[in-house]
């Protein structure tokens, strides 16, 4: 991070990781 307010990207990363783990 560099002071960006685009925190939704991290939340999207969490959603993708959880989805991949959940299905796998």
PDBML (XML) file of the C-alpha atoms, coordinates in Angstrom:
<?xml version="1.0" encoding="UTF-8" ?>
<PDBx:datablock datablockName="MODEL"
   xmlns:PDBx="http://pdbml.pdb.org/schema/pdbx-v50.xsd"
   xmlns:xsi="http://www.w3.org/2001/XMLSchema-instance"
   xsi:schemaLocation="http://pdbml.pdb.org/schema/pdbx-v50.xsd pdbx-v50.xsd">
   <PDBx:atom_siteCategory>
      <PDBx:atom_site id="1">
         <PDBx:B_iso_or_equiv>0.00</PDBx:B_iso_or_equiv>
         <PDBx:Cartn_x>0.000</PDBx:Cartn_x>
         <PDBx:Cartn_y>0.000</PDBx:Cartn_y>
         <PDBx:Cartn_z>0.000</PDBx:Cartn_z>
         <PDBx:auth_asym_id>A</PDBx:auth_asym_id>
         <PDBx:auth_atom_id>CA</PDBx:auth_atom_id>
         <PDBx:auth_comp_id>UNK</PDBx:auth_comp_id>
         <PDBx:auth_seq_id>1</PDBx:auth_seq_id>
         <PDBx:group_PDB>ATOM</PDBx:group_PDB>
         <PDBx:label_alt_id xsi:nil="true" />
         <PDBx:label_asym_id>A</PDBx:label_asym_id>
         <PDBx:label_atom_id>CA</PDBx:label_atom_id>
         <PDBx:label_comp_id>UNK</PDBx:label_comp_id>
         <PDBx:label_entity_id>1</PDBx:label_entity_id>
         <PDBx:label_seq_id>1</PDBx:label_seq_id>
         <PDBx:occupancy>1.00</PDBx:occupancy>
         <PDBx:pdbx_PDB_model_num>1</PDBx:pdbx_PDB_model_num>
         <PDBx:type_symbol>C</PDBx:type_symbol>
      </PDBx:atom_site>
      <PDBx:atom_site id="2">
         <PDBx:B_iso_or_equiv>0.00</PDBx:B_iso_or_equiv>
         <PDBx:Cartn_x>0.994</PDBx:Cartn_x>
         <PDBx:Cartn_y>3.581</PDBx:Cartn_y>
         <PDBx:Cartn_z>-0.661</PDBx:Cartn_z>
         <PDBx:auth_asym_id>A</PDBx:auth_asym_id>
         <PDBx:auth_atom_id>CA</PDBx:auth_atom_id>
         <PDBx:auth_comp_id>UNK</PDBx:auth_comp_id>
         <PDBx:auth_seq_id>2</PDBx:auth_seq_id>
         <PDBx:group_PDB>ATOM</PDBx:group_PDB>
         <PDBx:label_alt_id xsi:nil="true" />
         <PDBx:label_asym_id>A</PDBx:label_asym_id>
         <PDBx:label_atom_id>CA</PDBx:label_atom_id>
         <PDBx:label_comp_id>UNK</PDBx:label_comp_id>
         <PDBx:label_entity_id>1</PDBx:label_entity_id>
         <PDBx:label_seq_id>2</PDBx:label_seq_id>
         <PDBx:occupancy>1.00</PDBx:occupancy>
         <PDBx:pdbx_PDB_model_num>1</PDBx:pdbx_PDB_model_num>
         <PDBx:type_symbol>C</PDBx:type_symbol>
      </PDBx:atom_site>
      <PDBx:atom_site id="3">
         <PDBx:B_iso_or_equiv>0.00</PDBx:B_iso_or_equiv>
         <PDBx:Cartn_x>-1.835</PDBx:Cartn_x>
         <PDBx:Cartn_y>5.526</PDBx:Cartn_y>
         <PDBx:Cartn_z>0.887</PDBx:Cartn_z>
         <PDBx:auth_asym_id>A</PDBx:auth_asym_id>
         <PDBx:auth_atom_id>CA</PDBx:auth_atom_id>
         <PDBx:auth_comp_id>UNK</PDBx:auth_comp_id>
         <PDBx:auth_seq_id>3</PDBx:auth_seq_id>
         <PDBx:group_PDB>ATOM</PDBx:group_PDB>
         <PDBx:label_alt_id xsi:nil="true" />
         <PDBx:label_asym_id>A</PDBx:label_asym_id>
         <PDBx:label_atom_id>CA</PDBx:label_atom_id>
         <PDBx:label_comp_id>UNK</PDBx:label_comp_id>
         <PDBx:label_entity_id>1</PDBx:label_entity_id>
         <PDBx:label_seq_id>3</PDBx:label_seq_id>
         <PDBx:occupancy>1.00</PDBx:occupancy>
         <PDBx:pdbx_PDB_model_num>1</PDBx:pdbx_PDB_model_num>
         <PDBx:type_symbol>C</PDBx:type_symbol>
      </PDBx:atom_site>
      <PDBx:atom_site id="4">
         <PDBx:B_iso_or_equiv>0.00</PDBx:B_iso_or_equiv>
         <PDBx:Cartn_x>-4.337</PDBx:Cartn_x>
         <PDBx:Cartn_y>4.363</PDBx:Cartn_y>
         <PDBx:Cartn_z>-1.708</PDBx:Cartn_z>
         <PDBx:auth_asym_id>A</PDBx:auth_asym_id>
         <PDBx:auth_atom_id>CA</PDBx:auth_atom_id>
         <PDBx:auth_comp_id>UNK</PDBx:auth_comp_id>
         <PDBx:auth_seq_id>4</PDBx:auth_seq_id>
         <PDBx:group_PDB>ATOM</PDBx:group_PDB>
         <PDBx:label_alt_id xsi:nil="true" />
         <PDBx:label_asym_id>A</PDBx:label_asym_id>
         <PDBx:label_atom_id>CA</PDBx:label_atom_id>
         <PDBx:label_comp_id>UNK</PDBx:label_comp_id>
         <PDBx:label_entity_id>1</PDBx:label_entity_id>
         <PDBx:label_seq_id>4</PDBx:label_seq_id>
         <PDBx:occupancy>1.00</PDBx:occupancy>
         <PDBx:pdbx_PDB_model_num>1</PDBx:pdbx_PDB_model_num>
         <PDBx:type_symbol>C</PDBx:type_symbol>
      </PDBx:atom_site>
      <PDBx:atom_site id="5">
         <PDBx:B_iso_or_equiv>0.00</PDBx:B_iso_or_equiv>
         <PDBx:Cartn_x>-7.980</PDBx:Cartn_x>
         <PDBx:Cartn_y>4.315</PDBx:Cartn_y>
         <PDBx:Cartn_z>-0.678</PDBx:Cartn_z>
         <PDBx:auth_asym_id>A</PDBx:auth_asym_id>
         <PDBx:auth_atom_id>CA</PDBx:auth_atom_id>
         <PDBx:auth_comp_id>UNK</PDBx:auth_comp_id>
         <PDBx:auth_seq_id>5</PDBx:auth_seq_id>
         <PDBx:group_PDB>ATOM</PDBx:group_PDB>
         <PDBx:label_alt_id xsi:nil="true" />
         <PDBx:label_asym_id>A</PDBx:label_asym_id>
         <PDBx:label_atom_id>CA</PDBx:label_atom_id>
         <PDBx:label_comp_id>UNK</PDBx:label_comp_id>
         <PDBx:label_entity_id>1</PDBx:label_entity_id>
         <PDBx:label_seq_id>5</PDBx:label_seq_id>
         <PDBx:occupancy>1.00</PDBx:occupancy>
         <PDBx:pdbx_PDB_model_num>1</PDBx:pdbx_PDB_model_num>
         <PDBx:type_symbol>C</PDBx:type_symbol>
      </PDBx:atom_site>
      <PDBx:atom_site id="6">
         <PDBx:B_iso_or_equiv>0.00</PDBx:B_iso_or_equiv>
         <PDBx:Cartn_x>-8.733</PDBx:Cartn_x>
         <PDBx:Cartn_y>1.501</PDBx:Cartn_y>
         <PDBx:Cartn_z>-3.119</PDBx:Cartn_z>
         <PDBx:auth_asym_id>A</PDBx:auth_asym_id>
         <PDBx:auth_atom_id>CA</PDBx:auth_atom_id>
         <PDBx:auth_comp_id>UNK</PDBx:auth_comp_id>
         <PDBx:auth_seq_id>6</PDBx:auth_seq_id>
         <PDBx:group_PDB>ATOM</PDBx:group_PDB>
         <PDBx:label_alt_id xsi:nil="true" />
         <PDBx:label_asym_id>A</PDBx:label_asym_id>
         <PDBx:label_atom_id>CA</PDBx:label_atom_id>
         <PDBx:label_comp_id>UNK</PDBx:label_comp_id>
         <PDBx:label_entity_id>1</PDBx:label_entity_id>
         <PDBx:label_seq_id>6</PDBx:label_seq_id>
         <PDBx:occupancy>1.00</PDBx:occupancy>
         <PDBx:pdbx_PDB_model_num>1</PDBx:pdbx_PDB_model_num>
         <PDBx:type_symbol>C</PDBx:type_symbol>
      </PDBx:atom_site>
      <PDBx:atom_site id="7">
         <PDBx:B_iso_or_equiv>0.00</PDBx:B_iso_or_equiv>
         <PDBx:Cartn_x>-9.083</PDBx:Cartn_x>
         <PDBx:Cartn_y>-1.079</PDBx:Cartn_y>
         <PDBx:Cartn_z>-0.340</PDBx:Cartn_z>
         <PDBx:auth_asym_id>A</PDBx:auth_asym_id>
         <PDBx:auth_atom_id>CA</PDBx:auth_atom_id>
         <PDBx:auth_comp_id>UNK</PDBx:auth_comp_id>
         <PDBx:auth_seq_id>7</PDBx:auth_seq_id>
         <PDBx:group_PDB>ATOM</PDBx:group_PDB>
         <PDBx:label_alt_id xsi:nil="true" />
         <PDBx:label_asym_id>A</PDBx:label_asym_id>
         <PDBx:label_atom_id>CA</PDBx:label_atom_id>
         <PDBx:label_comp_id>UNK</PDBx:label_comp_id>
         <PDBx:label_entity_id>1</PDBx:label_entity_id>
         <PDBx:label_seq_id>7</PDBx:label_seq_id>
         <PDBx:occupancy>1.00</PDBx:occupancy>
         <PDBx:pdbx_PDB_model_num>1</PDBx:pdbx_PDB_model_num>
         <PDBx:type_symbol>C</PDBx:type_symbol>
      </PDBx:atom_site>
      <PDBx:atom_site id="8">
         <PDBx:B_iso_or_equiv>0.00</PDBx:B_iso_or_equiv>
         <PDBx:Cartn_x>-11.736</PDBx:Cartn_x>
         <PDBx:Cartn_y>-2.937</PDBx:Cartn_y>
         <PDBx:Cartn_z>-2.307</PDBx:Cartn_z>
         <PDBx:auth_asym_id>A</PDBx:auth_asym_id>
         <PDBx:auth_atom_id>CA</PDBx:auth_atom_id>
         <PDBx:auth_comp_id>UNK</PDBx:auth_comp_id>
         <PDBx:auth_seq_id>8</PDBx:auth_seq_id>
         <PDBx:group_PDB>ATOM</PDBx:group_PDB>
         <PDBx:label_alt_id xsi:nil="true" />
         <PDBx:label_asym_id>A</PDBx:label_asym_id>
         <PDBx:label_atom_id>CA</PDBx:label_atom_id>
         <PDBx:label_comp_id>UNK</PDBx:label_comp_id>
         <PDBx:label_entity_id>1</PDBx:label_entity_id>
         <PDBx:label_seq_id>8</PDBx:label_seq_id>
         <PDBx:occupancy>1.00</PDBx:occupancy>
         <PDBx:pdbx_PDB_model_num>1</PDBx:pdbx_PDB_model_num>
         <PDBx:type_symbol>C</PDBx:type_symbol>
      </PDBx:atom_site>
      <PDBx:atom_site id="9">
         <PDBx:B_iso_or_equiv>0.00</PDBx:B_iso_or_equiv>
         <PDBx:Cartn_x>-8.957</PDBx:Cartn_x>
         <PDBx:Cartn_y>-4.621</PDBx:Cartn_y>
         <PDBx:Cartn_z>-4.316</PDBx:Cartn_z>
         <PDBx:auth_asym_id>A</PDBx:auth_asym_id>
         <PDBx:auth_atom_id>CA</PDBx:auth_atom_id>
         <PDBx:auth_comp_id>UNK</PDBx:auth_comp_id>
         <PDBx:auth_seq_id>9</PDBx:auth_seq_id>
         <PDBx:group_PDB>ATOM</PDBx:group_PDB>
         <PDBx:label_alt_id xsi:nil="true" />
         <PDBx:label_asym_id>A</PDBx:label_asym_id>
         <PDBx:label_atom_id>CA</PDBx:label_atom_id>
         <PDBx:label_comp_id>UNK</PDBx:label_comp_id>
         <PDBx:label_entity_id>1</PDBx:label_entity_id>
         <PDBx:label_seq_id>9</PDBx:label_seq_id>
         <PDBx:occupancy>1.00</PDBx:occupancy>
         <PDBx:pdbx_PDB_model_num>1</PDBx:pdbx_PDB_model_num>
         <PDBx:type_symbol>C</PDBx:type_symbol>
      </PDBx:atom_site>
      <PDBx:atom_site id="10">
         <PDBx:B_iso_or_equiv>0.00</PDBx:B_iso_or_equiv>
         <PDBx:Cartn_x>-7.742</PDBx:Cartn_x>
         <PDBx:Cartn_y>-6.385</PDBx:Cartn_y>
         <PDBx:Cartn_z>-1.183</PDBx:Cartn_z>
         <PDBx:auth_asym_id>A</PDBx:auth_asym_id>
         <PDBx:auth_atom_id>CA</PDBx:auth_atom_id>
         <PDBx:auth_comp_id>UNK</PDBx:auth_comp_id>
         <PDBx:auth_seq_id>10</PDBx:auth_seq_id>
         <PDBx:group_PDB>ATOM</PDBx:group_PDB>
         <PDBx:label_alt_id xsi:nil="true" />
         <PDBx:label_asym_id>A</PDBx:label_asym_id>
         <PDBx:label_atom_id>CA</PDBx:label_atom_id>
         <PDBx:label_comp_id>UNK</PDBx:label_comp_id>
         <PDBx:label_entity_id>1</PDBx:label_entity_id>
         <PDBx:label_seq_id>10</PDBx:label_seq_id>
         <PDBx:occupancy>1.00</PDBx:occupancy>
         <PDBx:pdbx_PDB_model_num>1</PDBx:pdbx_PDB_model_num>
         <PDBx:type_symbol>C</PDBx:type_symbol>
      </PDBx:atom_site>
      <PDBx:atom_site id="11">
         <PDBx:B_iso_or_equiv>0.00</PDBx:B_iso_or_equiv>
         <PDBx:Cartn_x>-11.299</PDBx:Cartn_x>
         <PDBx:Cartn_y>-7.434</PDBx:Cartn_y>
         <PDBx:Cartn_z>-0.351</PDBx:Cartn_z>
         <PDBx:auth_asym_id>A</PDBx:auth_asym_id>
         <PDBx:auth_atom_id>CA</PDBx:auth_atom_id>
         <PDBx:auth_comp_id>UNK</PDBx:auth_comp_id>
         <PDBx:auth_seq_id>11</PDBx:auth_seq_id>
         <PDBx:group_PDB>ATOM</PDBx:group_PDB>
         <PDBx:label_alt_id xsi:nil="true" />
         <PDBx:label_asym_id>A</PDBx:label_asym_id>
         <PDBx:label_atom_id>CA</PDBx:label_atom_id>
         <PDBx:label_comp_id>UNK</PDBx:label_comp_id>
         <PDBx:label_entity_id>1</PDBx:label_entity_id>
         <PDBx:label_seq_id>11</PDBx:label_seq_id>
         <PDBx:occupancy>1.00</PDBx:occupancy>
         <PDBx:pdbx_PDB_model_num>1</PDBx:pdbx_PDB_model_num>
         <PDBx:type_symbol>C</PDBx:type_symbol>
      </PDBx:atom_site>
      <PDBx:atom_site id="12">
         <PDBx:B_iso_or_equiv>0.00</PDBx:B_iso_or_equiv>
         <PDBx:Cartn_x>-11.703</PDBx:Cartn_x>
         <PDBx:Cartn_y>-8.782</PDBx:Cartn_y>
         <PDBx:Cartn_z>-3.889</PDBx:Cartn_z>
         <PDBx:auth_asym_id>A</PDBx:auth_asym_id>
         <PDBx:auth_atom_id>CA</PDBx:auth_atom_id>
         <PDBx:auth_comp_id>UNK</PDBx:auth_comp_id>
         <PDBx:auth_seq_id>12</PDBx:auth_seq_id>
         <PDBx:group_PDB>ATOM</PDBx:group_PDB>
         <PDBx:label_alt_id xsi:nil="true" />
         <PDBx:label_asym_id>A</PDBx:label_asym_id>
         <PDBx:label_atom_id>CA</PDBx:label_atom_id>
         <PDBx:label_comp_id>UNK</PDBx:label_comp_id>
         <PDBx:label_entity_id>1</PDBx:label_entity_id>
         <PDBx:label_seq_id>12</PDBx:label_seq_id>
         <PDBx:occupancy>1.00</PDBx:occupancy>
         <PDBx:pdbx_PDB_model_num>1</PDBx:pdbx_PDB_model_num>
         <PDBx:type_symbol>C</PDBx:type_symbol>
      </PDBx:atom_site>
      <PDBx:atom_site id="13">
         <PDBx:B_iso_or_equiv>0.00</PDBx:B_iso_or_equiv>
         <PDBx:Cartn_x>-8.439</PDBx:Cartn_x>
         <PDBx:Cartn_y>-10.702</PDBx:Cartn_y>
         <PDBx:Cartn_z>-3.479</PDBx:Cartn_z>
         <PDBx:auth_asym_id>A</PDBx:auth_asym_id>
         <PDBx:auth_atom_id>CA</PDBx:auth_atom_id>
         <PDBx:auth_comp_id>UNK</PDBx:auth_comp_id>
         <PDBx:auth_seq_id>13</PDBx:auth_seq_id>
         <PDBx:group_PDB>ATOM</PDBx:group_PDB>
         <PDBx:label_alt_id xsi:nil="true" />
         <PDBx:label_asym_id>A</PDBx:label_asym_id>
         <PDBx:label_atom_id>CA</PDBx:label_atom_id>
         <PDBx:label_comp_id>UNK</PDBx:label_comp_id>
         <PDBx:label_entity_id>1</PDBx:label_entity_id>
         <PDBx:label_seq_id>13</PDBx:label_seq_id>
         <PDBx:occupancy>1.00</PDBx:occupancy>
         <PDBx:pdbx_PDB_model_num>1</PDBx:pdbx_PDB_model_num>
         <PDBx:type_symbol>C</PDBx:type_symbol>
      </PDBx:atom_site>
      <PDBx:atom_site id="14">
         <PDBx:B_iso_or_equiv>0.00</PDBx:B_iso_or_equiv>
         <PDBx:Cartn_x>-9.808</PDBx:Cartn_x>
         <PDBx:Cartn_y>-12.224</PDBx:Cartn_y>
         <PDBx:Cartn_z>-0.263</PDBx:Cartn_z>
         <PDBx:auth_asym_id>A</PDBx:auth_asym_id>
         <PDBx:auth_atom_id>CA</PDBx:auth_atom_id>
         <PDBx:auth_comp_id>UNK</PDBx:auth_comp_id>
         <PDBx:auth_seq_id>14</PDBx:auth_seq_id>
         <PDBx:group_PDB>ATOM</PDBx:group_PDB>
         <PDBx:label_alt_id xsi:nil="true" />
         <PDBx:label_asym_id>A</PDBx:label_asym_id>
         <PDBx:label_atom_id>CA</PDBx:label_atom_id>
         <PDBx:label_comp_id>UNK</PDBx:label_comp_id>
         <PDBx:label_entity_id>1</PDBx:label_entity_id>
         <PDBx:label_seq_id>14</PDBx:label_seq_id>
         <PDBx:occupancy>1.00</PDBx:occupancy>
         <PDBx:pdbx_PDB_model_num>1</PDBx:pdbx_PDB_model_num>
         <PDBx:type_symbol>C</PDBx:type_symbol>
      </PDBx:atom_site>
      <PDBx:atom_site id="15">
         <PDBx:B_iso_or_equiv>0.00</PDBx:B_iso_or_equiv>
         <PDBx:Cartn_x>-13.046</PDBx:Cartn_x>
         <PDBx:Cartn_y>-13.179</PDBx:Cartn_y>
         <PDBx:Cartn_z>-2.035</PDBx:Cartn_z>
         <PDBx:auth_asym_id>A</PDBx:auth_asym_id>
         <PDBx:auth_atom_id>CA</PDBx:auth_atom_id>
         <PDBx:auth_comp_id>UNK</PDBx:auth_comp_id>
         <PDBx:auth_seq_id>15</PDBx:auth_seq_id>
         <PDBx:group_PDB>ATOM</PDBx:group_PDB>
         <PDBx:label_alt_id xsi:nil="true" />
         <PDBx:label_asym_id>A</PDBx:label_asym_id>
         <PDBx:label_atom_id>CA</PDBx:label_atom_id>
         <PDBx:label_comp_id>UNK</PDBx:label_comp_id>
         <PDBx:label_entity_id>1</PDBx:label_entity_id>
         <PDBx:label_seq_id>15</PDBx:label_seq_id>
         <PDBx:occupancy>1.00</PDBx:occupancy>
         <PDBx:pdbx_PDB_model_num>1</PDBx:pdbx_PDB_model_num>
         <PDBx:type_symbol>C</PDBx:type_symbol>
      </PDBx:atom_site>
      <PDBx:atom_site id="16">
         <PDBx:B_iso_or_equiv>0.00</PDBx:B_iso_or_equiv>
         <PDBx:Cartn_x>-11.137</PDBx:Cartn_x>
         <PDBx:Cartn_y>-14.868</PDBx:Cartn_y>
         <PDBx:Cartn_z>-4.874</PDBx:Cartn_z>
         <PDBx:auth_asym_id>A</PDBx:auth_asym_id>
         <PDBx:auth_atom_id>CA</PDBx:auth_atom_id>
         <PDBx:auth_comp_id>UNK</PDBx:auth_comp_id>
         <PDBx:auth_seq_id>16</PDBx:auth_seq_id>
         <PDBx:group_PDB>ATOM</PDBx:group_PDB>
         <PDBx:label_alt_id xsi:nil="true" />
         <PDBx:label_asym_id>A</PDBx:label_asym_id>
         <PDBx:label_atom_id>CA</PDBx:label_atom_id>
         <PDBx:label_comp_id>UNK</PDBx:label_comp_id>
         <PDBx:label_entity_id>1</PDBx:label_entity_id>
         <PDBx:label_seq_id>16</PDBx:label_seq_id>
         <PDBx:occupancy>1.00</PDBx:occupancy>
         <PDBx:pdbx_PDB_model_num>1</PDBx:pdbx_PDB_model_num>
         <PDBx:type_symbol>C</PDBx:type_symbol>
      </PDBx:atom_site>
      <PDBx:atom_site id="17">
         <PDBx:B_iso_or_equiv>0.00</PDBx:B_iso_or_equiv>
         <PDBx:Cartn_x>-8.829</PDBx:Cartn_x>
         <PDBx:Cartn_y>-16.735</PDBx:Cartn_y>
         <PDBx:Cartn_z>-2.492</PDBx:Cartn_z>
         <PDBx:auth_asym_id>A</PDBx:auth_asym_id>
         <PDBx:auth_atom_id>CA</PDBx:auth_atom_id>
         <PDBx:auth_comp_id>UNK</PDBx:auth_comp_id>
         <PDBx:auth_seq_id>17</PDBx:auth_seq_id>
         <PDBx:group_PDB>ATOM</PDBx:group_PDB>
         <PDBx:label_alt_id xsi:nil="true" />
         <PDBx:label_asym_id>A</PDBx:label_asym_id>
         <PDBx:label_atom_id>CA</PDBx:label_atom_id>
         <PDBx:label_comp_id>UNK</PDBx:label_comp_id>
         <PDBx:label_entity_id>1</PDBx:label_entity_id>
         <PDBx:label_seq_id>17</PDBx:label_seq_id>
         <PDBx:occupancy>1.00</PDBx:occupancy>
         <PDBx:pdbx_PDB_model_num>1</PDBx:pdbx_PDB_model_num>
         <PDBx:type_symbol>C</PDBx:type_symbol>
      </PDBx:atom_site>
      <PDBx:atom_site id="18">
         <PDBx:B_iso_or_equiv>0.00</PDBx:B_iso_or_equiv>
         <PDBx:Cartn_x>-11.742</PDBx:Cartn_x>
         <PDBx:Cartn_y>-17.926</PDBx:Cartn_y>
         <PDBx:Cartn_z>-0.355</PDBx:Cartn_z>
         <PDBx:auth_asym_id>A</PDBx:auth_asym_id>
         <PDBx:auth_atom_id>CA</PDBx:auth_atom_id>
         <PDBx:auth_comp_id>UNK</PDBx:auth_comp_id>
         <PDBx:auth_seq_id>18</PDBx:auth_seq_id>
         <PDBx:group_PDB>ATOM</PDBx:group_PDB>
         <PDBx:label_alt_id xsi:nil="true" />
         <PDBx:label_asym_id>A</PDBx:label_asym_id>
         <PDBx:label_atom_id>CA</PDBx:label_atom_id>
         <PDBx:label_comp_id>UNK</PDBx:label_comp_id>
         <PDBx:label_entity_id>1</PDBx:label_entity_id>
         <PDBx:label_seq_id>18</PDBx:label_seq_id>
         <PDBx:occupancy>1.00</PDBx:occupancy>
         <PDBx:pdbx_PDB_model_num>1</PDBx:pdbx_PDB_model_num>
         <PDBx:type_symbol>C</PDBx:type_symbol>
      </PDBx:atom_site>
      <PDBx:atom_site id="19">
         <PDBx:B_iso_or_equiv>0.00</PDBx:B_iso_or_equiv>
         <PDBx:Cartn_x>-13.729</PDBx:Cartn_x>
         <PDBx:Cartn_y>-18.939</PDBx:Cartn_y>
         <PDBx:Cartn_z>-3.450</PDBx:Cartn_z>
         <PDBx:auth_asym_id>A</PDBx:auth_asym_id>
         <PDBx:auth_atom_id>CA</PDBx:auth_atom_id>
         <PDBx:auth_comp_id>UNK</PDBx:auth_comp_id>
         <PDBx:auth_seq_id>19</PDBx:auth_seq_id>
         <PDBx:group_PDB>ATOM</PDBx:group_PDB>
         <PDBx:label_alt_id xsi:nil="true" />
         <PDBx:label_asym_id>A</PDBx:label_asym_id>
         <PDBx:label_atom_id>CA</PDBx:label_atom_id>
         <PDBx:label_comp_id>UNK</PDBx:label_comp_id>
         <PDBx:label_entity_id>1</PDBx:label_entity_id>
         <PDBx:label_seq_id>19</PDBx:label_seq_id>
         <PDBx:occupancy>1.00</PDBx:occupancy>
         <PDBx:pdbx_PDB_model_num>1</PDBx:pdbx_PDB_model_num>
         <PDBx:type_symbol>C</PDBx:type_symbol>
      </PDBx:atom_site>
      <PDBx:atom_site id="20">
         <PDBx:B_iso_or_equiv>0.00</PDBx:B_iso_or_equiv>
         <PDBx:Cartn_x>-10.799</PDBx:Cartn_x>
         <PDBx:Cartn_y>-20.927</PDBx:Cartn_y>
         <PDBx:Cartn_z>-4.842</PDBx:Cartn_z>
         <PDBx:auth_asym_id>A</PDBx:auth_asym_id>
         <PDBx:auth_atom_id>CA</PDBx:auth_atom_id>
         <PDBx:auth_comp_id>UNK</PDBx:auth_comp_id>
         <PDBx:auth_seq_id>20</PDBx:auth_seq_id>
         <PDBx:group_PDB>ATOM</PDBx:group_PDB>
         <PDBx:label_alt_id xsi:nil="true" />
         <PDBx:label_asym_id>A</PDBx:label_asym_id>
         <PDBx:label_atom_id>CA</PDBx:label_atom_id>
         <PDBx:label_comp_id>UNK</PDBx:label_comp_id>
         <PDBx:label_entity_id>1</PDBx:label_entity_id>
         <PDBx:label_seq_id>20</PDBx:label_seq_id>
         <PDBx:occupancy>1.00</PDBx:occupancy>
         <PDBx:pdbx_PDB_model_num>1</PDBx:pdbx_PDB_model_num>
         <PDBx:type_symbol>C</PDBx:type_symbol>
      </PDBx:atom_site>
      <PDBx:atom_site id="21">
         <PDBx:B_iso_or_equiv>0.00</PDBx:B_iso_or_equiv>
         <PDBx:Cartn_x>-10.174</PDBx:Cartn_x>
         <PDBx:Cartn_y>-22.612</PDBx:Cartn_y>
         <PDBx:Cartn_z>-1.486</PDBx:Cartn_z>
         <PDBx:auth_asym_id>A</PDBx:auth_asym_id>
         <PDBx:auth_atom_id>CA</PDBx:auth_atom_id>
         <PDBx:auth_comp_id>UNK</PDBx:auth_comp_id>
         <PDBx:auth_seq_id>21</PDBx:auth_seq_id>
         <PDBx:group_PDB>ATOM</PDBx:group_PDB>
         <PDBx:label_alt_id xsi:nil="true" />
         <PDBx:label_asym_id>A</PDBx:label_asym_id>
         <PDBx:label_atom_id>CA</PDBx:label_atom_id>
         <PDBx:label_comp_id>UNK</PDBx:label_comp_id>
         <PDBx:label_entity_id>1</PDBx:label_entity_id>
         <PDBx:label_seq_id>21</PDBx:label_seq_id>
         <PDBx:occupancy>1.00</PDBx:occupancy>
         <PDBx:pdbx_PDB_model_num>1</PDBx:pdbx_PDB_model_num>
         <PDBx:type_symbol>C</PDBx:type_symbol>
      </PDBx:atom_site>
      <PDBx:atom_site id="22">
         <PDBx:B_iso_or_equiv>0.00</PDBx:B_iso_or_equiv>
         <PDBx:Cartn_x>-13.865</PDBx:Cartn_x>
         <PDBx:Cartn_y>-23.272</PDBx:Cartn_y>
         <PDBx:Cartn_z>-0.910</PDBx:Cartn_z>
         <PDBx:auth_asym_id>A</PDBx:auth_asym_id>
         <PDBx:auth_atom_id>CA</PDBx:auth_atom_id>
         <PDBx:auth_comp_id>UNK</PDBx:auth_comp_id>
         <PDBx:auth_seq_id>22</PDBx:auth_seq_id>
         <PDBx:group_PDB>ATOM</PDBx:group_PDB>
         <PDBx:label_alt_id xsi:nil="true" />
         <PDBx:label_asym_id>A</PDBx:label_asym_id>
         <PDBx:label_atom_id>CA</PDBx:label_atom_id>
         <PDBx:label_comp_id>UNK</PDBx:label_comp_id>
         <PDBx:label_entity_id>1</PDBx:label_entity_id>
         <PDBx:label_seq_id>22</PDBx:label_seq_id>
         <PDBx:occupancy>1.00</PDBx:occupancy>
         <PDBx:pdbx_PDB_model_num>1</PDBx:pdbx_PDB_model_num>
         <PDBx:type_symbol>C</PDBx:type_symbol>
      </PDBx:atom_site>
      <PDBx:atom_site id="23">
         <PDBx:B_iso_or_equiv>0.00</PDBx:B_iso_or_equiv>
         <PDBx:Cartn_x>-14.303</PDBx:Cartn_x>
         <PDBx:Cartn_y>-24.985</PDBx:Cartn_y>
         <PDBx:Cartn_z>-4.264</PDBx:Cartn_z>
         <PDBx:auth_asym_id>A</PDBx:auth_asym_id>
         <PDBx:auth_atom_id>CA</PDBx:auth_atom_id>
         <PDBx:auth_comp_id>UNK</PDBx:auth_comp_id>
         <PDBx:auth_seq_id>23</PDBx:auth_seq_id>
         <PDBx:group_PDB>ATOM</PDBx:group_PDB>
         <PDBx:label_alt_id xsi:nil="true" />
         <PDBx:label_asym_id>A</PDBx:label_asym_id>
         <PDBx:label_atom_id>CA</PDBx:label_atom_id>
         <PDBx:label_comp_id>UNK</PDBx:label_comp_id>
         <PDBx:label_entity_id>1</PDBx:label_entity_id>
         <PDBx:label_seq_id>23</PDBx:label_seq_id>
         <PDBx:occupancy>1.00</PDBx:occupancy>
         <PDBx:pdbx_PDB_model_num>1</PDBx:pdbx_PDB_model_num>
         <PDBx:type_symbol>C</PDBx:type_symbol>
      </PDBx:atom_site>
      <PDBx:atom_site id="24">
         <PDBx:B_iso_or_equiv>0.00</PDBx:B_iso_or_equiv>
         <PDBx:Cartn_x>-11.003</PDBx:Cartn_x>
         <PDBx:Cartn_y>-26.867</PDBx:Cartn_y>
         <PDBx:Cartn_z>-4.054</PDBx:Cartn_z>
         <PDBx:auth_asym_id>A</PDBx:auth_asym_id>
         <PDBx:auth_atom_id>CA</PDBx:auth_atom_id>
         <PDBx:auth_comp_id>UNK</PDBx:auth_comp_id>
         <PDBx:auth_seq_id>24</PDBx:auth_seq_id>
         <PDBx:group_PDB>ATOM</PDBx:group_PDB>
         <PDBx:label_alt_id xsi:nil="true" />
         <PDBx:label_asym_id>A</PDBx:label_asym_id>
         <PDBx:label_atom_id>CA</PDBx:label_atom_id>
         <PDBx:label_comp_id>UNK</PDBx:label_comp_id>
         <PDBx:label_entity_id>1</PDBx:label_entity_id>
         <PDBx:label_seq_id>24</PDBx:label_seq_id>
         <PDBx:occupancy>1.00</PDBx:occupancy>
         <PDBx:pdbx_PDB_model_num>1</PDBx:pdbx_PDB_model_num>
         <PDBx:type_symbol>C</PDBx:type_symbol>
      </PDBx:atom_site>
   </PDBx:atom_siteCategory>
</PDBx:datablock>
